[in-house]
């Protein structure tokens, strides 16, 4: 079938890679020579770090929800989808070529508090 170098020099972004099919897909891509960026979302209500549609829905049902989240975030705001996208773009670029096997929490310092 395919050889390990089929995807050499390429970058693959796998979403939902924290487990199941995403994790197995990432493993296969690595075996074939690709640099793999695995993105996954872990966002429980009350621990949200990014201003998403889900967060906005909760805010409509529970006014003040976002203010409560922001009050516990070290940088004083929720992240934006662009914050996440720019980090993933950096991880997929040559600038991050030595970042391997690492986990990055893109959460404005929430997990480090």
PDB file of N, CA and C in Angstrom:
ATOM      1  N   UNK A   1       0.837  -1.186   0.000  1.00  0.00           N
ATOM      2  CA  UNK A   1       0.000   0.000   0.000  1.00  0.00           C
ATOM      3  C   UNK A   1       0.879   1.246   0.000  1.00  0.00           C
ATOM      4  N   UNK A   2       0.670   2.177   0.904  1.00  0.00           N
ATOM      5  CA  UNK A   2       1.410   3.426   0.946  1.00  0.00           C
ATOM      6  C   UNK A   2       2.707   3.268   1.727  1.00  0.00           C
ATOM      7  N   UNK A   3       3.665   4.113   1.374  1.00  0.00           N
ATOM      8  CA  UNK A   3       4.913   4.111   2.126  1.00  0.00           C
ATOM      9  C   UNK A   3       4.890   5.235   3.140  1.00  0.00           C
ATOM     10  N   UNK A   4       5.825   5.201   4.064  1.00  0.00           N
ATOM     11  CA  UNK A   4       5.870   6.190   5.128  1.00  0.00           C
ATOM     12  C   UNK A   4       6.084   7.600   4.595  1.00  0.00           C
ATOM     13  N   UNK A   5       6.724   7.751   3.470  1.00  0.00           N
ATOM     14  CA  UNK A   5       7.038   9.093   2.974  1.00  0.00           C
ATOM     15  C   UNK A   5       5.967   9.679   2.068  1.00  0.00           C
ATOM     16  N   UNK A   6       4.834   9.013   1.920  1.00  0.00           N
ATOM     17  CA  UNK A   6       3.761   9.543   1.073  1.00  0.00           C
ATOM     18  C   UNK A   6       3.415  10.987   1.392  1.00  0.00           C
ATOM     19  N   UNK A   7       3.449  11.350   2.652  1.00  0.00           N
ATOM     20  CA  UNK A   7       3.020  12.683   3.075  1.00  0.00           C
ATOM     21  C   UNK A   7       4.168  13.521   3.635  1.00  0.00           C
ATOM     22  N   UNK A   8       5.378  13.113   3.350  1.00  0.00           N
ATOM     23  CA  UNK A   8       6.534  13.855   3.847  1.00  0.00           C
ATOM     24  C   UNK A   8       6.485  15.300   3.379  1.00  0.00           C
ATOM     25  N   UNK A   9       6.772  16.219   4.280  1.00  0.00           N
ATOM     26  CA  UNK A   9       6.768  17.634   3.943  1.00  0.00           C
ATOM     27  C   UNK A   9       5.393  18.276   3.977  1.00  0.00           C
ATOM     28  N   UNK A  10       4.392  17.506   4.324  1.00  0.00           N
ATOM     29  CA  UNK A  10       3.029  18.044   4.380  1.00  0.00           C
ATOM     30  C   UNK A  10       2.576  18.174   5.825  1.00  0.00           C
ATOM     31  N   UNK A  11       1.628  19.064   6.036  1.00  0.00           N
ATOM     32  CA  UNK A  11       1.048  19.257   7.361  1.00  0.00           C
ATOM     33  C   UNK A  11      -0.426  18.885   7.277  1.00  0.00           C
ATOM     34  N   UNK A  12      -0.873  18.082   8.227  1.00  0.00           N
ATOM     35  CA  UNK A  12      -2.285  17.712   8.312  1.00  0.00           C
ATOM     36  C   UNK A  12      -2.852  18.267   9.604  1.00  0.00           C
ATOM     37  N   UNK A  13      -4.029  18.844   9.523  1.00  0.00           N
ATOM     38  CA  UNK A  13      -4.731  19.322  10.713  1.00  0.00           C
ATOM     39  C   UNK A  13      -5.903  18.383  10.941  1.00  0.00           C
ATOM     40  N   UNK A  14      -5.919  17.749  12.114  1.00  0.00           N
ATOM     41  CA  UNK A  14      -6.965  16.791  12.447  1.00  0.00           C
ATOM     42  C   UNK A  14      -7.791  17.375  13.588  1.00  0.00           C
ATOM     43  N   UNK A  15      -9.073  17.575  13.345  1.00  0.00           N
ATOM     44  CA  UNK A  15      -9.945  18.062  14.405  1.00  0.00           C
ATOM     45  C   UNK A  15     -10.572  16.868  15.110  1.00  0.00           C
ATOM     46  N   UNK A  16     -10.919  17.069  16.368  1.00  0.00           N
ATOM     47  CA  UNK A  16     -11.487  15.966  17.143  1.00  0.00           C
ATOM     48  C   UNK A  16     -10.459  14.892  17.415  1.00  0.00           C
ATOM     49  N   UNK A  17      -9.192  15.293  17.457  1.00  0.00           N
ATOM     50  CA  UNK A  17      -8.111  14.327  17.582  1.00  0.00           C
ATOM     51  C   UNK A  17      -7.801  13.891  18.995  1.00  0.00           C
ATOM     52  N   UNK A  18      -8.610  14.297  19.964  1.00  0.00           N
ATOM     53  CA  UNK A  18      -8.355  13.920  21.347  1.00  0.00           C
ATOM     54  C   UNK A  18      -8.667  12.464  21.639  1.00  0.00           C
ATOM     55  N   UNK A  19      -9.360  11.810  20.758  1.00  0.00           N
ATOM     56  CA  UNK A  19      -9.696  10.405  20.981  1.00  0.00           C
ATOM     57  C   UNK A  19     -10.384   9.821  19.768  1.00  0.00           C
ATOM     58  N   UNK A  20     -10.649   8.544  19.836  1.00  0.00           N
ATOM     59  CA  UNK A  20     -11.415   7.848  18.810  1.00  0.00           C
ATOM     60  C   UNK A  20     -10.843   7.952  17.415  1.00  0.00           C
ATOM     61  N   UNK A  21     -11.716   8.233  16.443  1.00  0.00           N
ATOM     62  CA  UNK A  21     -11.319   8.286  15.041  1.00  0.00           C
ATOM     63  C   UNK A  21     -10.276   9.361  14.767  1.00  0.00           C
ATOM     64  N   UNK A  22     -10.413  10.510  15.411  1.00  0.00           N
ATOM     65  CA  UNK A  22      -9.445  11.586  15.202  1.00  0.00           C
ATOM     66  C   UNK A  22      -8.044  11.177  15.611  1.00  0.00           C
ATOM     67  N   UNK A  23      -7.923  10.542  16.768  1.00  0.00           N
ATOM     68  CA  UNK A  23      -6.608  10.096  17.252  1.00  0.00           C
ATOM     69  C   UNK A  23      -6.006   9.049  16.311  1.00  0.00           C
ATOM     70  N   UNK A  24      -6.818   8.111  15.882  1.00  0.00           N
ATOM     71  CA  UNK A  24      -6.311   7.070  14.981  1.00  0.00           C
ATOM     72  C   UNK A  24      -5.926   7.656  13.628  1.00  0.00           C
ATOM     73  N   UNK A  25      -6.695   8.627  13.143  1.00  0.00           N
ATOM     74  CA  UNK A  25      -6.359   9.301  11.892  1.00  0.00           C
ATOM     75  C   UNK A  25      -5.013  10.000  12.020  1.00  0.00           C
ATOM     76  N   UNK A  26      -4.812  10.693  13.134  1.00  0.00           N
ATOM     77  CA  UNK A  26      -3.540  11.379  13.365  1.00  0.00           C
ATOM     78  C   UNK A  26      -2.380  10.395  13.361  1.00  0.00           C
ATOM     79  N   UNK A  27      -2.543   9.254  13.991  1.00  0.00           N
ATOM     80  CA  UNK A  27      -1.475   8.242  14.037  1.00  0.00           C
ATOM     81  C   UNK A  27      -1.108   7.771  12.634  1.00  0.00           C
ATOM     82  N   UNK A  28      -2.109   7.503  11.807  1.00  0.00           N
ATOM     83  CA  UNK A  28      -1.852   7.041  10.438  1.00  0.00           C
ATOM     84  C   UNK A  28      -1.121   8.117   9.635  1.00  0.00           C
ATOM     85  N   UNK A  29      -1.543   9.354   9.781  1.00  0.00           N
ATOM     86  CA  UNK A  29      -0.892  10.440   9.046  1.00  0.00           C
ATOM     87  C   UNK A  29       0.574  10.589   9.464  1.00  0.00           C
ATOM     88  N   UNK A  30       0.858  10.455  10.741  1.00  0.00           N
ATOM     89  CA  UNK A  30       2.241  10.522  11.223  1.00  0.00           C
ATOM     90  C   UNK A  30       3.049   9.358  10.642  1.00  0.00           C
ATOM     91  N   UNK A  31       2.482   8.180  10.661  1.00  0.00           N
ATOM     92  CA  UNK A  31       3.170   7.006  10.100  1.00  0.00           C
ATOM     93  C   UNK A  31       3.518   7.210   8.630  1.00  0.00           C
ATOM     94  N   UNK A  32       2.710   7.981   7.930  1.00  0.00           N
ATOM     95  CA  UNK A  32       2.944   8.246   6.502  1.00  0.00           C
ATOM     96  C   UNK A  32       3.843   9.459   6.265  1.00  0.00           C
ATOM     97  N   UNK A  33       4.351  10.049   7.345  1.00  0.00           N
ATOM     98  CA  UNK A  33       5.352  11.096   7.206  1.00  0.00           C
ATOM     99  C   UNK A  33       4.876  12.524   7.376  1.00  0.00           C
ATOM    100  N   UNK A  34       3.599  12.739   7.607  1.00  0.00           N
ATOM    101  CA  UNK A  34       3.086  14.102   7.748  1.00  0.00           C
ATOM    102  C   UNK A  34       3.385  14.665   9.135  1.00  0.00           C
ATOM    103  N   UNK A  35       3.543  15.992   9.195  1.00  0.00           N
ATOM    104  CA  UNK A  35       3.496  16.682  10.490  1.00  0.00           C
ATOM    105  C   UNK A  35       2.026  16.856  10.784  1.00  0.00           C
ATOM    106  N   UNK A  36       1.614  16.508  11.971  1.00  0.00           N
ATOM    107  CA  UNK A  36       0.193  16.536  12.296  1.00  0.00           C
ATOM    108  C   UNK A  36      -0.081  17.513  13.427  1.00  0.00           C
ATOM    109  N   UNK A  37      -1.058  18.371  13.207  1.00  0.00           N
ATOM    110  CA  UNK A  37      -1.572  19.265  14.237  1.00  0.00           C
ATOM    111  C   UNK A  37      -2.925  18.701  14.637  1.00  0.00           C
ATOM    112  N   UNK A  38      -3.059  18.343  15.905  1.00  0.00           N
ATOM    113  CA  UNK A  38      -4.310  17.790  16.406  1.00  0.00           C
ATOM    114  C   UNK A  38      -5.031  18.878  17.185  1.00  0.00           C
ATOM    115  N   UNK A  39      -6.246  19.158  16.783  1.00  0.00           N
ATOM    116  CA  UNK A  39      -7.051  20.159  17.478  1.00  0.00           C
ATOM    117  C   UNK A  39      -8.270  19.479  18.073  1.00  0.00           C
ATOM    118  N   UNK A  40      -8.556  19.818  19.306  1.00  0.00           N
ATOM    119  CA  UNK A  40      -9.721  19.260  19.969  1.00  0.00           C
ATOM    120  C   UNK A  40     -10.316  20.334  20.859  1.00  0.00           C
ATOM    121  N   UNK A  41     -11.563  20.202  21.173  1.00  0.00           N
ATOM    122  CA  UNK A  41     -12.269  21.189  21.978  1.00  0.00           C
ATOM    123  C   UNK A  41     -12.765  20.531  23.241  1.00  0.00           C
ATOM    124  N   UNK A  42     -12.438  21.127  24.345  1.00  0.00           N
ATOM    125  CA  UNK A  42     -12.954  20.679  25.629  1.00  0.00           C
ATOM    126  C   UNK A  42     -13.541  21.905  26.304  1.00  0.00           C
ATOM    127  N   UNK A  43     -14.826  22.068  26.145  1.00  0.00           N
ATOM    128  CA  UNK A  43     -15.457  23.280  26.645  1.00  0.00           C
ATOM    129  C   UNK A  43     -16.737  22.929  27.395  1.00  0.00           C
ATOM    130  N   UNK A  44     -16.603  22.783  28.702  1.00  0.00           N
ATOM    131  CA  UNK A  44     -17.773  22.536  29.532  1.00  0.00           C
ATOM    132  C   UNK A  44     -18.363  23.868  29.975  1.00  0.00           C
ATOM    133  N   UNK A  45     -19.684  23.969  30.037  1.00  0.00           N
ATOM    134  CA  UNK A  45     -20.265  25.211  30.545  1.00  0.00           C
ATOM    135  C   UNK A  45     -19.644  25.559  31.898  1.00  0.00           C
ATOM    136  N   UNK A  46     -19.338  26.819  32.089  1.00  0.00           N
ATOM    137  CA  UNK A  46     -18.690  27.246  33.321  1.00  0.00           C
ATOM    138  C   UNK A  46     -17.189  27.240  33.232  1.00  0.00           C
ATOM    139  N   UNK A  47     -16.653  26.595  32.208  1.00  0.00           N
ATOM    140  CA  UNK A  47     -15.215  26.575  31.992  1.00  0.00           C
ATOM    141  C   UNK A  47     -14.868  27.028  30.587  1.00  0.00           C
ATOM    142  N   UNK A  48     -15.797  27.686  29.938  1.00  0.00           N
ATOM    143  CA  UNK A  48     -15.571  28.132  28.566  1.00  0.00           C
ATOM    144  C   UNK A  48     -14.448  29.160  28.520  1.00  0.00           C
ATOM    145  N   UNK A  49     -13.650  29.065  27.490  1.00  0.00           N
ATOM    146  CA  UNK A  49     -12.564  30.023  27.316  1.00  0.00           C
ATOM    147  C   UNK A  49     -12.671  30.783  26.004  1.00  0.00           C
ATOM    148  N   UNK A  50     -13.553  30.343  25.120  1.00  0.00           N
ATOM    149  CA  UNK A  50     -13.715  30.977  23.816  1.00  0.00           C
ATOM    150  C   UNK A  50     -15.172  31.391  23.637  1.00  0.00           C
ATOM    151  N   UNK A  51     -15.369  32.579  23.131  1.00  0.00           N
ATOM    152  CA  UNK A  51     -16.705  33.107  22.901  1.00  0.00           C
ATOM    153  C   UNK A  51     -17.296  32.445  21.666  1.00  0.00           C
ATOM    154  N   UNK A  52     -18.053  31.394  21.890  1.00  0.00           N
ATOM    155  CA  UNK A  52     -18.659  30.611  20.815  1.00  0.00           C
ATOM    156  C   UNK A  52     -20.165  30.797  20.814  1.00  0.00           C
ATOM    157  N   UNK A  53     -20.823  30.200  19.830  1.00  0.00           N
ATOM    158  CA  UNK A  53     -22.284  30.239  19.770  1.00  0.00           C
ATOM    159  C   UNK A  53     -22.887  29.603  21.017  1.00  0.00           C
ATOM    160  N   UNK A  54     -22.260  28.538  21.530  1.00  0.00           N
ATOM    161  CA  UNK A  54     -22.756  27.888  22.735  1.00  0.00           C
ATOM    162  C   UNK A  54     -22.711  28.847  23.922  1.00  0.00           C
ATOM    163  N   UNK A  55     -21.616  29.575  24.049  1.00  0.00           N
ATOM    164  CA  UNK A  55     -21.481  30.540  25.145  1.00  0.00           C
ATOM    165  C   UNK A  55     -22.526  31.635  25.007  1.00  0.00           C
ATOM    166  N   UNK A  56     -22.745  32.113  23.802  1.00  0.00           N
ATOM    167  CA  UNK A  56     -23.751  33.148  23.574  1.00  0.00           C
ATOM    168  C   UNK A  56     -25.161  32.637  23.901  1.00  0.00           C
ATOM    169  N   UNK A  57     -25.448  31.371  23.574  1.00  0.00           N
ATOM    170  CA  UNK A  57     -26.747  30.783  23.917  1.00  0.00           C
ATOM    171  C   UNK A  57     -26.949  30.744  25.428  1.00  0.00           C
ATOM    172  N   UNK A  58     -25.924  30.358  26.154  1.00  0.00           N
ATOM    173  CA  UNK A  58     -26.024  30.317  27.612  1.00  0.00           C
ATOM    174  C   UNK A  58     -26.203  31.730  28.160  1.00  0.00           C
ATOM    175  N   UNK A  59     -25.486  32.689  27.593  1.00  0.00           N
ATOM    176  CA  UNK A  59     -25.619  34.091  28.033  1.00  0.00           C
ATOM    177  C   UNK A  59     -27.056  34.587  27.865  1.00  0.00           C
ATOM    178  N   UNK A  60     -27.699  34.206  26.766  1.00  0.00           N
ATOM    179  CA  UNK A  60     -29.094  34.623  26.557  1.00  0.00           C
ATOM    180  C   UNK A  60     -30.017  34.024  27.620  1.00  0.00           C
ATOM    181  N   UNK A  61     -29.714  32.802  28.032  1.00  0.00           N
ATOM    182  CA  UNK A  61     -30.530  32.133  29.043  1.00  0.00           C
ATOM    183  C   UNK A  61     -30.151  32.554  30.462  1.00  0.00           C
ATOM    184  N   UNK A  62     -28.897  32.901  30.660  1.00  0.00           N
ATOM    185  CA  UNK A  62     -28.386  33.271  31.983  1.00  0.00           C
ATOM    186  C   UNK A  62     -27.570  34.556  31.862  1.00  0.00           C
ATOM    187  N   UNK A  63     -28.247  35.701  31.798  1.00  0.00           N
ATOM    188  CA  UNK A  63     -27.502  36.960  31.672  1.00  0.00           C
ATOM    189  C   UNK A  63     -26.435  37.091  32.764  1.00  0.00           C
ATOM    190  N   UNK A  64     -25.265  37.546  32.371  1.00  0.00           N
ATOM    191  CA  UNK A  64     -24.140  37.662  33.298  1.00  0.00           C
ATOM    192  C   UNK A  64     -23.190  36.481  33.243  1.00  0.00           C
ATOM    193  N   UNK A  65     -23.573  35.439  32.499  1.00  0.00           N
ATOM    194  CA  UNK A  65     -22.730  34.244  32.387  1.00  0.00           C
ATOM    195  C   UNK A  65     -21.346  34.599  31.858  1.00  0.00           C
ATOM    196  N   UNK A  66     -21.291  35.392  30.788  1.00  0.00           N
ATOM    197  CA  UNK A  66     -20.003  35.755  30.189  1.00  0.00           C
ATOM    198  C   UNK A  66     -19.182  36.598  31.150  1.00  0.00           C
ATOM    199  N   UNK A  67     -19.810  37.537  31.842  1.00  0.00           N
ATOM    200  CA  UNK A  67     -19.073  38.344  32.819  1.00  0.00           C
ATOM    201  C   UNK A  67     -18.425  37.461  33.880  1.00  0.00           C
ATOM    202  N   UNK A  68     -19.137  36.415  34.303  1.00  0.00           N
ATOM    203  CA  UNK A  68     -18.584  35.483  35.282  1.00  0.00           C
ATOM    204  C   UNK A  68     -17.374  34.745  34.742  1.00  0.00           C
ATOM    205  N   UNK A  69     -17.445  34.332  33.485  1.00  0.00           N
ATOM    206  CA  UNK A  69     -16.307  33.645  32.865  1.00  0.00           C
ATOM    207  C   UNK A  69     -15.107  34.572  32.744  1.00  0.00           C
ATOM    208  N   UNK A  70     -15.369  35.777  32.263  1.00  0.00           N
ATOM    209  CA  UNK A  70     -14.288  36.749  32.069  1.00  0.00           C
ATOM    210  C   UNK A  70     -13.609  37.064  33.394  1.00  0.00           C
ATOM    211  N   UNK A  71     -14.375  37.095  34.471  1.00  0.00           N
ATOM    212  CA  UNK A  71     -13.806  37.462  35.777  1.00  0.00           C
ATOM    213  C   UNK A  71     -12.768  36.463  36.283  1.00  0.00           C
ATOM    214  N   UNK A  72     -12.774  35.238  35.770  1.00  0.00           N
ATOM    215  CA  UNK A  72     -11.793  34.238  36.229  1.00  0.00           C
ATOM    216  C   UNK A  72     -10.692  33.979  35.200  1.00  0.00           C
ATOM    217  N   UNK A  73     -10.699  34.721  34.110  1.00  0.00           N
ATOM    218  CA  UNK A  73      -9.673  34.557  33.085  1.00  0.00           C
ATOM    219  C   UNK A  73      -8.533  35.542  33.319  1.00  0.00           C
ATOM    220  N   UNK A  74      -7.314  35.049  33.414  1.00  0.00           N
ATOM    221  CA  UNK A  74      -6.168  35.922  33.691  1.00  0.00           C
ATOM    222  C   UNK A  74      -6.008  37.093  32.722  1.00  0.00           C
ATOM    223  N   UNK A  75      -6.368  36.921  31.453  1.00  0.00           N
ATOM    224  CA  UNK A  75      -6.190  38.037  30.526  1.00  0.00           C
ATOM    225  C   UNK A  75      -7.419  38.943  30.449  1.00  0.00           C
ATOM    226  N   UNK A  76      -8.456  38.607  31.229  1.00  0.00           N
ATOM    227  CA  UNK A  76      -9.604  39.486  31.354  1.00  0.00           C
ATOM    228  C   UNK A  76     -10.563  39.500  30.184  1.00  0.00           C
ATOM    229  N   UNK A  77     -10.555  38.463  29.384  1.00  0.00           N
ATOM    230  CA  UNK A  77     -11.512  38.372  28.272  1.00  0.00           C
ATOM    231  C   UNK A  77     -11.602  36.920  27.835  1.00  0.00           C
ATOM    232  N   UNK A  78     -12.659  36.605  27.105  1.00  0.00           N
ATOM    233  CA  UNK A  78     -12.744  35.301  26.472  1.00  0.00           C
ATOM    234  C   UNK A  78     -11.955  35.346  25.171  1.00  0.00           C
ATOM    235  N   UNK A  79     -11.540  34.204  24.726  1.00  0.00           N
ATOM    236  CA  UNK A  79     -10.871  34.122  23.440  1.00  0.00           C
ATOM    237  C   UNK A  79     -11.872  34.246  22.308  1.00  0.00           C
ATOM    238  N   UNK A  80     -11.344  34.412  21.124  1.00  0.00           N
ATOM    239  CA  UNK A  80     -12.173  34.474  19.925  1.00  0.00           C
ATOM    240  C   UNK A  80     -11.815  33.291  19.036  1.00  0.00           C
ATOM    241  N   UNK A  81     -12.700  32.938  18.124  1.00  0.00           N
ATOM    242  CA  UNK A  81     -12.343  31.890  17.173  1.00  0.00           C
ATOM    243  C   UNK A  81     -11.040  32.223  16.430  1.00  0.00           C
ATOM    244  N   UNK A  82     -10.796  33.507  16.173  1.00  0.00           N
ATOM    245  CA  UNK A  82      -9.560  33.917  15.499  1.00  0.00           C
ATOM    246  C   UNK A  82      -8.335  33.589  16.360  1.00  0.00           C
ATOM    247  N   UNK A  83      -8.440  33.754  17.682  1.00  0.00           N
ATOM    248  CA  UNK A  83      -7.330  33.388  18.566  1.00  0.00           C
ATOM    249  C   UNK A  83      -6.944  31.931  18.360  1.00  0.00           C
ATOM    250  N   UNK A  84      -7.936  31.078  18.256  1.00  0.00           N
ATOM    251  CA  UNK A  84      -7.686  29.649  18.061  1.00  0.00           C
ATOM    252  C   UNK A  84      -7.104  29.411  16.668  1.00  0.00           C
ATOM    253  N   UNK A  85      -7.726  30.008  15.660  1.00  0.00           N
ATOM    254  CA  UNK A  85      -7.285  29.809  14.280  1.00  0.00           C
ATOM    255  C   UNK A  85      -5.842  30.250  14.075  1.00  0.00           C
ATOM    256  N   UNK A  86      -5.453  31.373  14.668  1.00  0.00           N
ATOM    257  CA  UNK A  86      -4.079  31.857  14.488  1.00  0.00           C
ATOM    258  C   UNK A  86      -3.069  30.921  15.152  1.00  0.00           C
ATOM    259  N   UNK A  87      -3.441  30.345  16.282  1.00  0.00           N
ATOM    260  CA  UNK A  87      -2.540  29.396  16.938  1.00  0.00           C
ATOM    261  C   UNK A  87      -2.405  28.125  16.107  1.00  0.00           C
ATOM    262  N   UNK A  88      -3.524  27.627  15.589  1.00  0.00           N
ATOM    263  CA  UNK A  88      -3.475  26.435  14.735  1.00  0.00           C
ATOM    264  C   UNK A  88      -2.665  26.717  13.480  1.00  0.00           C
ATOM    265  N   UNK A  89      -2.814  27.902  12.896  1.00  0.00           N
ATOM    266  CA  UNK A  89      -2.034  28.270  11.707  1.00  0.00           C
ATOM    267  C   UNK A  89      -0.542  28.282  12.034  1.00  0.00           C
ATOM    268  N   UNK A  90      -0.175  28.811  13.206  1.00  0.00           N
ATOM    269  CA  UNK A  90       1.231  28.799  13.613  1.00  0.00           C
ATOM    270  C   UNK A  90       1.721  27.365  13.763  1.00  0.00           C
ATOM    271  N   UNK A  91       0.922  26.519  14.406  1.00  0.00           N
ATOM    272  CA  UNK A  91       1.325  25.115  14.589  1.00  0.00           C
ATOM    273  C   UNK A  91       1.494  24.405  13.253  1.00  0.00           C
ATOM    274  N   UNK A  92       0.731  24.808  12.261  1.00  0.00           N
ATOM    275  CA  UNK A  92       0.827  24.182  10.936  1.00  0.00           C
ATOM    276  C   UNK A  92       1.954  24.772  10.095  1.00  0.00           C
ATOM    277  N   UNK A  93       2.567  25.848  10.572  1.00  0.00           N
ATOM    278  CA  UNK A  93       3.613  26.514   9.791  1.00  0.00           C
ATOM    279  C   UNK A  93       5.001  25.969  10.118  1.00  0.00           C
ATOM    280  N   UNK A  94       5.960  26.322   9.285  1.00  0.00           N
ATOM    281  CA  UNK A  94       7.348  25.937   9.538  1.00  0.00           C
ATOM    282  C   UNK A  94       7.904  26.566  10.807  1.00  0.00           C
ATOM    283  N   UNK A  95       7.308  27.663  11.248  1.00  0.00           N
ATOM    284  CA  UNK A  95       7.788  28.335  12.461  1.00  0.00           C
ATOM    285  C   UNK A  95       7.687  27.433  13.687  1.00  0.00           C
ATOM    286  N   UNK A  96       6.810  26.439  13.647  1.00  0.00           N
ATOM    287  CA  UNK A  96       6.640  25.543  14.791  1.00  0.00           C
ATOM    288  C   UNK A  96       7.246  24.164  14.541  1.00  0.00           C
ATOM    289  N   UNK A  97       8.146  24.062  13.588  1.00  0.00           N
ATOM    290  CA  UNK A  97       8.640  22.745  13.169  1.00  0.00           C
ATOM    291  C   UNK A  97       9.282  21.927  14.281  1.00  0.00           C
ATOM    292  N   UNK A  98       9.705  22.549  15.362  1.00  0.00           N
ATOM    293  CA  UNK A  98      10.322  21.807  16.454  1.00  0.00           C
ATOM    294  C   UNK A  98       9.320  21.492  17.567  1.00  0.00           C
ATOM    295  N   UNK A  99       8.115  21.989  17.454  1.00  0.00           N
ATOM    296  CA  UNK A  99       7.058  21.672  18.424  1.00  0.00           C
ATOM    297  C   UNK A  99       6.478  20.318  18.048  1.00  0.00           C
ATOM    298  N   UNK A 100       6.744  19.322  18.863  1.00  0.00           N
ATOM    299  CA  UNK A 100       6.293  17.972  18.540  1.00  0.00           C
ATOM    300  C   UNK A 100       5.896  17.253  19.825  1.00  0.00           C
ATOM    301  N   UNK A 101       4.770  16.598  19.773  1.00  0.00           N
ATOM    302  CA  UNK A 101       4.317  15.835  20.923  1.00  0.00           C
ATOM    303  C   UNK A 101       3.896  16.695  22.096  1.00  0.00           C
ATOM    304  N   UNK A 102       3.622  17.949  21.839  1.00  0.00           N
ATOM    305  CA  UNK A 102       3.259  18.876  22.909  1.00  0.00           C
ATOM    306  C   UNK A 102       1.761  19.148  22.887  1.00  0.00           C
ATOM    307  N   UNK A 103       1.262  19.547  24.015  1.00  0.00           N
ATOM    308  CA  UNK A 103      -0.137  19.925  24.139  1.00  0.00           C
ATOM    309  C   UNK A 103      -0.189  21.405  24.472  1.00  0.00           C
ATOM    310  N   UNK A 104      -0.962  22.151  23.723  1.00  0.00           N
ATOM    311  CA  UNK A 104      -1.092  23.579  23.932  1.00  0.00           C
ATOM    312  C   UNK A 104      -2.521  23.895  24.360  1.00  0.00           C
ATOM    313  N   UNK A 105      -2.673  24.504  25.491  1.00  0.00           N
ATOM    314  CA  UNK A 105      -3.994  24.972  25.909  1.00  0.00           C
ATOM    315  C   UNK A 105      -4.120  26.417  25.441  1.00  0.00           C
ATOM    316  N   UNK A 106      -5.031  26.630  24.550  1.00  0.00           N
ATOM    317  CA  UNK A 106      -5.248  27.976  24.008  1.00  0.00           C
ATOM    318  C   UNK A 106      -6.440  28.537  24.754  1.00  0.00           C
ATOM    319  N   UNK A 107      -6.176  29.042  25.958  1.00  0.00           N
ATOM    320  CA  UNK A 107      -7.272  29.416  26.839  1.00  0.00           C
ATOM    321  C   UNK A 107      -7.032  30.683  27.627  1.00  0.00           C
ATOM    322  N   UNK A 108      -6.111  31.512  27.175  1.00  0.00           N
ATOM    323  CA  UNK A 108      -5.858  32.778  27.852  1.00  0.00           C
ATOM    324  C   UNK A 108      -5.316  32.635  29.260  1.00  0.00           C
ATOM    325  N   UNK A 109      -4.704  31.509  29.556  1.00  0.00           N
ATOM    326  CA  UNK A 109      -4.138  31.277  30.876  1.00  0.00           C
ATOM    327  C   UNK A 109      -5.080  30.645  31.870  1.00  0.00           C
ATOM    328  N   UNK A 110      -6.283  30.268  31.431  1.00  0.00           N
ATOM    329  CA  UNK A 110      -7.302  29.713  32.334  1.00  0.00           C
ATOM    330  C   UNK A 110      -6.785  28.479  33.086  1.00  0.00           C
ATOM    331  N   UNK A 111      -6.171  27.544  32.368  1.00  0.00           N
ATOM    332  CA  UNK A 111      -5.738  26.312  33.039  1.00  0.00           C
ATOM    333  C   UNK A 111      -4.520  26.525  33.929  1.00  0.00           C
ATOM    334  N   UNK A 112      -3.812  27.629  33.748  1.00  0.00           N
ATOM    335  CA  UNK A 112      -2.601  27.894  34.539  1.00  0.00           C
ATOM    336  C   UNK A 112      -2.884  28.703  35.802  1.00  0.00           C
ATOM    337  N   UNK A 113      -4.104  29.114  36.006  1.00  0.00           N
ATOM    338  CA  UNK A 113      -4.388  29.986  37.154  1.00  0.00           C
ATOM    339  C   UNK A 113      -4.334  29.247  38.466  1.00  0.00           C
TER     340      UNK A 113
END
